[in-house]
């Protein structure tokens, strides 16, 4: 019997920002948490756009498409405001930022046909578009396909978008959406452990806060994958039963599980995780059980 996480899913909840011009890589290098100056033709980047306090305003999967063009895939609900904020920093840089969503088709691929042990964020051309290898979910390889809007989707059985969104949760790599705008520094979502932060590059908005969180041991929250029998939603607060007045975390991303209930990525206080008895929405809300992360945290590597 084939694995349920297998096929090709449309991704209408994602959009594309195009950065075009001879300064495209240099500009993004100075604004995002990852290195774009050394971005090669066979690699993509996971990166965050932070405010001055290091809080994530958007997250991207980005890659080159030509010497002077970089595409950034992000959640469609934050795209217009993100494009406006990024454009404020262009100044005299030779780069033009635009919403290129209408010009592109985006599909998620999972299961058979993908390299089972390919390196996350590796990039290759495939079926008329670009294929970015993602972190796996449920031991199934996954990839993001970005191609022309009029291109046929990659070959494979149709997969429901909702199942893909569940696979995103189970991969443990959260995408910034409106309900969690400016809620987290990157490490609160484990971005430093999944290739989303480069600590050797130069300055970007919020860089001092992000670096201090990493090197001074001030990080008190981490991302965990959780399960509940009741419905979960991005932005929902999490409470520890013995402290009903004080939130112990926030749900970052959630999706219904095909086997019942809901799974989510939740950023939780480490002290509350140690105590346990966590609930969504209120101290009397649906109980949360922790599921294993599919990757090691940087401190454990």
Foldseek 3Di string as FASTA:
>chain_A
DDDLQFWKEFDPQKFKKKKFFQCRQVLVCQFWQDHSVPADQFFWAWIFGAAQQQFGQWIWTKHDDDNGMMMTMAGPQSPVVVQVVSVVPCVPPGIDMDTCRQFKTKMKGKAPPDDLDDDARTWDDDQAFIWGWHQWFPSITMIMTIHTNPGDDDDTDYHYVLVVLQRVFRQLQFTAHDLCRRVDRCQLSLCVFRRHHDLPGDHHRNNVNNVCVVPVVPDFKHKFKKWWQDDDAFNWFKDALVCFVDTFWTFHGKGADPVHGIMTIIIGGPVSVVVAQMATNTSPHTHIDTDDHPGDRPVVD
